[in-house]
C-alpha atoms as a PDB file:
ATOM      1  CA  MET A   1     -14.301   4.717 -13.707  1.00  0.00           C
ATOM      2  CA  GLU A   2     -14.769   7.796 -11.532  1.00  0.00           C
ATOM      3  CA  GLY A   3     -16.836   6.848  -8.489  1.00  0.00           C
ATOM      4  CA  LEU A   4     -16.748   3.148  -9.444  1.00  0.00           C
ATOM      5  CA  GLU A   5     -16.226   0.848  -6.463  1.00  0.00           C
ATOM      6  CA  LEU A   6     -14.769  -2.482  -7.615  1.00  0.00           C
ATOM      7  CA  ALA A   7     -12.974  -3.801  -4.528  1.00  0.00           C
ATOM      8  CA  SER A   8     -16.093  -5.679  -3.401  1.00  0.00           C
ATOM      9  CA  LYS A   9     -16.074  -7.605  -6.697  1.00  0.00           C
ATOM     10  CA  VAL A  10     -12.570  -9.003  -6.224  1.00  0.00           C
ATOM     11  CA  SER A  11     -12.077  -9.181  -2.448  1.00  0.00           C
ATOM     12  CA  THR A  12     -12.240 -12.370  -0.436  1.00  0.00           C
ATOM     13  CA  LYS A  13     -15.631 -13.046   1.164  1.00  0.00           C
ATOM     14  CA  LYS A  14     -14.106 -14.565   4.306  1.00  0.00           C
ATOM     15  CA  ALA A  15     -10.870 -13.925   6.166  1.00  0.00           C
ATOM     16  CA  TYR A  16      -8.125 -16.521   5.687  1.00  0.00           C
ATOM     17  CA  THR A  17      -4.535 -17.065   6.787  1.00  0.00           C
ATOM     18  CA  VAL A  18      -1.372 -17.859   4.843  1.00  0.00           C
ATOM     19  CA  GLY A  19       2.021 -19.004   6.095  1.00  0.00           C
ATOM     20  CA  ASP A  20       3.444 -20.480   9.266  1.00  0.00           C
ATOM     21  CA  LYS A  21       1.487 -19.463  12.359  1.00  0.00           C
ATOM     22  CA  ASN A  22       4.785 -19.605  14.277  1.00  0.00           C
ATOM     23  CA  ALA A  23       6.448 -17.090  11.950  1.00  0.00           C
ATOM     24  CA  LYS A  24       8.304 -14.137  13.433  1.00  0.00           C
ATOM     25  CA  TYR A  25       5.846 -11.460  12.224  1.00  0.00           C
ATOM     26  CA  LYS A  26       2.072 -11.241  11.882  1.00  0.00           C
ATOM     27  CA  ILE A  27       0.537  -9.088   9.152  1.00  0.00           C
ATOM     28  CA  ALA A  28      -3.126  -8.072   8.872  1.00  0.00           C
ATOM     29  CA  ALA A  29      -3.831  -7.429   5.183  1.00  0.00           C
ATOM     30  CA  LEU A  30      -6.924  -5.674   3.881  1.00  0.00           C
ATOM     31  CA  ASP A  31      -7.872  -7.313   0.579  1.00  0.00           C
ATOM     32  CA  ILE A  32      -9.115  -4.684  -1.856  1.00  0.00           C
ATOM     33  CA  GLY A  33      -7.716  -6.698  -4.767  1.00  0.00           C
ATOM     34  CA  ILE A  34      -4.593  -8.299  -3.307  1.00  0.00           C
ATOM     35  CA  LYS A  35      -2.109 -10.097  -5.563  1.00  0.00           C
ATOM     36  CA  GLN A  36      -0.785 -13.511  -4.607  1.00  0.00           C
ATOM     37  CA  ASN A  37       2.823 -12.468  -5.043  1.00  0.00           C
ATOM     38  CA  ILE A  38       2.427  -9.779  -2.383  1.00  0.00           C
ATOM     39  CA  ILE A  39       1.440 -12.529   0.031  1.00  0.00           C
ATOM     40  CA  ASN A  40       4.384 -14.623  -1.224  1.00  0.00           C
ATOM     41  CA  ASN A  41       6.766 -11.758  -0.467  1.00  0.00           C
ATOM     42  CA  PHE A  42       5.514 -11.532   3.099  1.00  0.00           C
ATOM     43  CA  VAL A  43       5.715 -15.310   3.634  1.00  0.00           C
ATOM     44  CA  LYS A  44       9.284 -15.247   2.275  1.00  0.00           C
ATOM     45  CA  ARG A  45      10.121 -12.712   5.003  1.00  0.00           C
ATOM     46  CA  ASP A  46       8.908 -14.960   7.850  1.00  0.00           C
ATOM     47  CA  CYS A  47       5.411 -13.484   8.111  1.00  0.00           C
ATOM     48  CA  PHE A  48       2.098 -15.086   9.004  1.00  0.00           C
ATOM     49  CA  ILE A  49      -0.624 -13.210   7.135  1.00  0.00           C
ATOM     50  CA  LYS A  50      -4.328 -12.933   7.761  1.00  0.00           C
ATOM     51  CA  VAL A  51      -6.208 -11.535   4.768  1.00  0.00           C
ATOM     52  CA  PHE A  52      -9.458  -9.703   5.522  1.00  0.00           C
ATOM     53  CA  PRO A  53     -12.396  -8.708   3.267  1.00  0.00           C
ATOM     54  CA  PHE A  54     -12.469  -5.199   1.807  1.00  0.00           C
ATOM     55  CA  ASP A  55     -15.054  -3.935   4.314  1.00  0.00           C
ATOM     56  CA  ALA A  56     -13.463  -5.374   7.474  1.00  0.00           C
ATOM     57  CA  SER A  57     -13.156  -2.932  10.370  1.00  0.00           C
ATOM     58  CA  PHE A  58     -10.018  -1.880  12.186  1.00  0.00           C
ATOM     59  CA  GLU A  59     -11.273  -3.822  15.188  1.00  0.00           C
ATOM     60  CA  GLU A  60     -11.539  -7.002  13.099  1.00  0.00           C
ATOM     61  CA  LEU A  61      -8.009  -6.601  11.770  1.00  0.00           C
ATOM     62  CA  SER A  62      -6.714  -5.796  15.256  1.00  0.00           C
ATOM     63  CA  SER A  63      -8.260  -8.964  16.696  1.00  0.00           C
ATOM     64  CA  PHE A  64      -5.461 -10.829  14.873  1.00  0.00           C
ATOM     65  CA  ASN A  65      -3.001  -8.912  17.092  1.00  0.00           C
ATOM     66  CA  PRO A  66      -0.764  -8.117  14.102  1.00  0.00           C
ATOM     67  CA  ASP A  67       2.685  -6.577  14.143  1.00  0.00           C
ATOM     68  CA  GLY A  68       1.854  -4.577  11.024  1.00  0.00           C
ATOM     69  CA  TYR A  69      -1.021  -3.641   8.733  1.00  0.00           C
ATOM     70  CA  PHE A  70      -1.094  -3.797   4.940  1.00  0.00           C
ATOM     71  CA  LEU A  71      -3.489  -2.131   2.457  1.00  0.00           C
ATOM     72  CA  SER A  72      -3.432  -3.953  -0.867  1.00  0.00           C
ATOM     73  CA  ASN A  73      -3.612  -2.985  -4.488  1.00  0.00           C
ATOM     74  CA  GLY A  74      -6.929  -3.261  -6.314  1.00  0.00           C
ATOM     75  CA  PRO A  75      -9.192  -1.919  -9.072  1.00  0.00           C
ATOM     76  CA  GLY A  76     -11.463   1.090  -9.343  1.00  0.00           C
ATOM     77  CA  ASP A  77     -11.783   4.490  -7.714  1.00  0.00           C
ATOM     78  CA  PRO A  78     -10.479   4.670  -4.105  1.00  0.00           C
ATOM     79  CA  THR A  79     -12.951   7.399  -3.120  1.00  0.00           C
ATOM     80  CA  PRO A  80     -15.959   5.126  -2.380  1.00  0.00           C
ATOM     81  CA  LEU A  81     -13.916   2.851  -0.073  1.00  0.00           C
ATOM     82  CA  LYS A  82     -14.888   4.605   3.157  1.00  0.00           C
ATOM     83  CA  GLU A  83     -14.386   1.536   5.381  1.00  0.00           C
ATOM     84  CA  ALA A  84     -10.822   1.101   4.146  1.00  0.00           C
ATOM     85  CA  GLN A  85     -10.109   4.785   4.705  1.00  0.00           C
ATOM     86  CA  GLU A  86     -11.368   4.468   8.272  1.00  0.00           C
ATOM     87  CA  VAL A  87      -9.084   1.468   8.837  1.00  0.00           C
ATOM     88  CA  ALA A  88      -6.128   3.529   7.592  1.00  0.00           C
ATOM     89  CA  ARG A  89      -7.066   6.465   9.832  1.00  0.00           C
ATOM     90  CA  LYS A  90      -7.219   4.295  12.936  1.00  0.00           C
ATOM     91  CA  VAL A  91      -3.970   2.454  12.194  1.00  0.00           C
ATOM     92  CA  ILE A  92      -2.199   5.772  11.608  1.00  0.00           C
ATOM     93  CA  ASP A  93      -3.741   7.324  14.716  1.00  0.00           C
ATOM     94  CA  LYS A  94      -2.305   4.509  16.831  1.00  0.00           C
ATOM     95  CA  ASN A  95       1.002   4.696  14.917  1.00  0.00           C
ATOM     96  CA  PHE A  96       1.105   1.003  14.038  1.00  0.00           C
ATOM     97  CA  PRO A  97       3.312   0.022  11.066  1.00  0.00           C
ATOM     98  CA  LEU A  98       1.326   0.552   7.856  1.00  0.00           C
ATOM     99  CA  PHE A  99       2.279  -0.180   4.240  1.00  0.00           C
ATOM    100  CA  GLY A 100       0.116   0.469   1.177  1.00  0.00           C
ATOM    101  CA  ILE A 101       0.521  -0.510  -2.471  1.00  0.00           C
ATOM    102  CA  CYS A 102      -1.356   1.091  -5.407  1.00  0.00           C
ATOM    103  CA  LEU A 103      -5.029   1.355  -4.329  1.00  0.00           C
ATOM    104  CA  GLY A 104      -3.861   1.002  -0.714  1.00  0.00           C
ATOM    105  CA  HIS A 105      -1.498   3.933  -1.285  1.00  0.00           C
ATOM    106  CA  GLN A 106      -4.423   6.023  -2.509  1.00  0.00           C
ATOM    107  CA  ILE A 107      -6.527   4.983   0.501  1.00  0.00           C
ATOM    108  CA  ILE A 108      -3.803   6.274   2.840  1.00  0.00           C
ATOM    109  CA  ALA A 109      -3.867   9.627   1.042  1.00  0.00           C
ATOM    110  CA  LEU A 110      -7.647   9.955   1.244  1.00  0.00           C
ATOM    111  CA  ALA A 111      -7.603   8.959   4.920  1.00  0.00           C
ATOM    112  CA  ASN A 112      -5.434  12.023   5.504  1.00  0.00           C
ATOM    113  CA  GLY A 113      -7.508  14.447   3.452  1.00  0.00           C
ATOM    114  CA  ILE A 114      -5.251  14.318   0.380  1.00  0.00           C
ATOM    115  CA  ALA A 115      -7.166  14.057  -2.892  1.00  0.00           C
ATOM    116  CA  THR A 116      -6.842  11.500  -5.661  1.00  0.00           C
ATOM    117  CA  TYR A 117      -7.914  11.990  -9.258  1.00  0.00           C
ATOM    118  CA  LYS A 118      -8.438  10.014 -12.460  1.00  0.00           C
ATOM    119  CA  MET A 119      -5.518  10.330 -14.850  1.00  0.00           C
ATOM    120  CA  HIS A 120      -6.034  11.255 -18.506  1.00  0.00           C
ATOM    121  CA  ASN A 121      -3.803   8.305 -19.387  1.00  0.00           C
ATOM    122  CA  GLY A 122      -3.125   5.695 -16.726  1.00  0.00           C
ATOM    123  CA  HIS A 123       0.151   3.885 -16.195  1.00  0.00           C
ATOM    124  CA  ARG A 124      -0.020   0.311 -17.491  1.00  0.00           C
ATOM    125  CA  GLY A 125       2.624  -2.368 -17.926  1.00  0.00           C
ATOM    126  CA  ILE A 126       6.324  -2.775 -17.260  1.00  0.00           C
ATOM    127  CA  ASN A 127       9.429  -0.584 -17.652  1.00  0.00           C
ATOM    128  CA  HIS A 128       8.064   2.504 -15.900  1.00  0.00           C
ATOM    129  CA  PRO A 129      11.016   4.545 -14.568  1.00  0.00           C
ATOM    130  CA  VAL A 130      10.716   5.745 -10.975  1.00  0.00           C
ATOM    131  CA  LYS A 131      13.227   7.731  -8.936  1.00  0.00           C
ATOM    132  CA  ASN A 132      13.629   7.135  -5.221  1.00  0.00           C
ATOM    133  CA  LEU A 133      14.071  10.707  -3.981  1.00  0.00           C
ATOM    134  CA  ILE A 134      15.499   9.521  -0.655  1.00  0.00           C
ATOM    135  CA  THR A 135      18.347   7.427  -2.091  1.00  0.00           C
ATOM    136  CA  GLY A 136      18.628   9.060  -5.529  1.00  0.00           C
ATOM    137  CA  LYS A 137      18.431   5.640  -7.192  1.00  0.00           C
ATOM    138  CA  GLY A 138      16.284   4.754 -10.176  1.00  0.00           C
ATOM    139  CA  GLU A 139      13.895   1.812 -10.302  1.00  0.00           C
ATOM    140  CA  ILE A 140      12.331   0.090 -13.291  1.00  0.00           C
ATOM    141  CA  THR A 141       8.811  -0.738 -12.146  1.00  0.00           C
ATOM    142  CA  SER A 142       5.589  -2.457 -13.081  1.00  0.00           C
ATOM    143  CA  GLN A 143       2.473  -0.264 -12.874  1.00  0.00           C
ATOM    144  CA  ASN A 144      -1.266  -0.666 -13.402  1.00  0.00           C
ATOM    145  CA  HIS A 145      -3.368   2.282 -12.264  1.00  0.00           C
ATOM    146  CA  GLY A 146      -5.722   4.905 -13.642  1.00  0.00           C
ATOM    147  CA  PHE A 147      -5.990   7.033 -10.487  1.00  0.00           C
ATOM    148  CA  VAL A 148      -3.194   8.874  -8.734  1.00  0.00           C
ATOM    149  CA  VAL A 149      -2.587  10.849  -5.542  1.00  0.00           C
ATOM    150  CA  ASP A 150      -2.359  14.642  -5.904  1.00  0.00           C
ATOM    151  CA  LYS A 151       1.391  15.240  -5.757  1.00  0.00           C
ATOM    152  CA  GLU A 152       1.120  18.979  -5.059  1.00  0.00           C
ATOM    153  CA  ALA A 153      -1.121  18.292  -2.061  1.00  0.00           C
ATOM    154  CA  VAL A 154       1.473  15.869  -0.661  1.00  0.00           C
ATOM    155  CA  GLU A 155       4.273  18.379  -1.226  1.00  0.00           C
ATOM    156  CA  ASN A 156       2.280  21.031   0.634  1.00  0.00           C
ATOM    157  CA  SER A 157       1.334  18.709   3.491  1.00  0.00           C
ATOM    158  CA  ASP A 158       2.883  19.061   6.941  1.00  0.00           C
ATOM    159  CA  GLU A 159       2.398  15.328   7.491  1.00  0.00           C
ATOM    160  CA  PHE A 160       3.865  13.758   4.336  1.00  0.00           C
ATOM    161  CA  VAL A 161       6.978  13.760   2.206  1.00  0.00           C
ATOM    162  CA  VAL A 162       7.232  12.607  -1.421  1.00  0.00           C
ATOM    163  CA  THR A 163       9.604   9.620  -1.596  1.00  0.00           C
ATOM    164  CA  HIS A 164       9.213   8.437  -5.203  1.00  0.00           C
ATOM    165  CA  GLU A 165       8.502  10.174  -8.505  1.00  0.00           C
ATOM    166  CA  HIS A 166       7.513   8.770 -11.901  1.00  0.00           C
ATOM    167  CA  LEU A 167      10.135  10.062 -14.341  1.00  0.00           C
ATOM    168  CA  ASN A 168       7.897  10.083 -17.429  1.00  0.00           C
ATOM    169  CA  ASP A 169       5.334  12.559 -16.122  1.00  0.00           C
ATOM    170  CA  GLU A 170       6.637  13.542 -12.654  1.00  0.00           C
ATOM    171  CA  SER A 171       3.524  12.127 -10.991  1.00  0.00           C
ATOM    172  CA  LEU A 172       3.615  10.865  -7.413  1.00  0.00           C
ATOM    173  CA  ALA A 173       4.932   7.314  -7.092  1.00  0.00           C
ATOM    174  CA  GLY A 174       5.513   7.058  -3.338  1.00  0.00           C
ATOM    175  CA  MET A 175       5.176   8.890  -0.032  1.00  0.00           C
ATOM    176  CA  LYS A 176       5.697   8.487   3.680  1.00  0.00           C
ATOM    177  CA  MET A 177       4.441  10.210   6.798  1.00  0.00           C
ATOM    178  CA  LYS A 178       6.942  12.369   8.679  1.00  0.00           C
ATOM    179  CA  ASN A 179       5.874  11.456  12.201  1.00  0.00           C
ATOM    180  CA  LYS A 180       4.010   8.175  11.740  1.00  0.00           C
ATOM    181  CA  ASN A 181       5.092   4.626  10.898  1.00  0.00           C
ATOM    182  CA  CYS A 182       3.414   4.717   7.487  1.00  0.00           C
ATOM    183  CA  PHE A 183       4.586   4.648   3.865  1.00  0.00           C
ATOM    184  CA  SER A 184       3.167   3.659   0.493  1.00  0.00           C
ATOM    185  CA  VAL A 185       3.902   3.390  -3.222  1.00  0.00           C
ATOM    186  CA  GLN A 186       1.776   3.667  -6.351  1.00  0.00           C
ATOM    187  CA  TYR A 187       3.557   0.905  -8.286  1.00  0.00           C
ATOM    188  CA  HIS A 188       3.985  -2.866  -7.803  1.00  0.00           C
ATOM    189  CA  PRO A 189       7.174  -3.958  -5.997  1.00  0.00           C
ATOM    190  CA  GLU A 190       5.947  -7.563  -5.987  1.00  0.00           C
ATOM    191  CA  ALA A 191       5.682  -7.790  -9.793  1.00  0.00           C
ATOM    192  CA  SER A 192       7.170 -11.011 -11.146  1.00  0.00           C
ATOM    193  CA  PRO A 193       8.301 -12.045 -13.663  1.00  0.00           C
ATOM    194  CA  GLY A 194       9.905  -8.696 -14.330  1.00  0.00           C
ATOM    195  CA  PRO A 195      12.186  -6.259 -12.512  1.00  0.00           C
ATOM    196  CA  HIS A 196      12.922  -6.725  -8.823  1.00  0.00           C
ATOM    197  CA  ASP A 197      14.339  -3.243  -8.261  1.00  0.00           C
ATOM    198  CA  SER A 198      11.619  -2.355  -5.754  1.00  0.00           C
ATOM    199  CA  SER A 199      11.446  -5.496  -3.612  1.00  0.00           C
ATOM    200  CA  TYR A 200      13.395  -3.645  -0.903  1.00  0.00           C
ATOM    201  CA  LEU A 201      10.104  -1.976   0.069  1.00  0.00           C
ATOM    202  CA  PHE A 202       8.943  -5.199   1.727  1.00  0.00           C
ATOM    203  CA  ASP A 203      12.196  -5.238   3.716  1.00  0.00           C
ATOM    204  CA  GLU A 204      11.586  -1.623   4.730  1.00  0.00           C
ATOM    205  CA  PHE A 205       8.168  -2.589   6.095  1.00  0.00           C
ATOM    206  CA  ILE A 206       9.717  -5.442   8.090  1.00  0.00           C
ATOM    207  CA  ARG A 207      12.346  -3.063   9.484  1.00  0.00           C
ATOM    208  CA  ASN A 208       9.556  -0.712  10.581  1.00  0.00           C
ATOM    209  CA  ILE A 209       7.831  -3.613  12.343  1.00  0.00           C
ATOM    210  CA  GLU A 210      11.097  -4.729  13.934  1.00  0.00           C
ATOM    211  CA  SER A 211      11.797  -1.249  15.314  1.00  0.00           C
ATOM    212  CA  VAL A 212       8.356  -1.193  16.972  1.00  0.00           C
ATOM    213  CA  LYS A 213       8.754  -4.704  18.383  1.00  0.00           C
ATOM    214  CA  LYS A 214      12.082  -3.698  19.940  1.00  0.00           C
END
């Protein structure tokens, strides 16, 4: 799996939109393996989403004039996805609201010079315990990943703070930037059926968008 780029195998070939074009918020989503229920969660929160192919540029996403940007989950090694990393860099540079899940979370790390690596044993399935280090609350999560962001590098970064930790092996499960409108998680808050402990993360993204709009 190391060095294996798979996003191109699962991404949409053409951009498409979902939801009510008169919705309150507009989200530009980079499809590197996006799950339908992520889109459903955005639609449920009064969002109009445009989903772009894995190799779309920041300029293409920005042409939608979105209120926020989303980097999706997906398969494979994040390292080869240079276009996606460049999108993340440009969104962060302009301080637009950015949210990443799973592979998107790893892309955000790489865009900021923080390494990822292949785990000896990946996290697969349901009932993975995660602690939110900001609130102190536990979450029962769904996970499906074989790569992870280097937690020590995040802890030593001047730009990031660790927000979530996997309680089985203390690996990194979430992070946010200290001075930018950007956060991400390694697990799947949209997972359904299953636990809904982490669905608040979509609300957090909307609050970030709302604060910028105001």
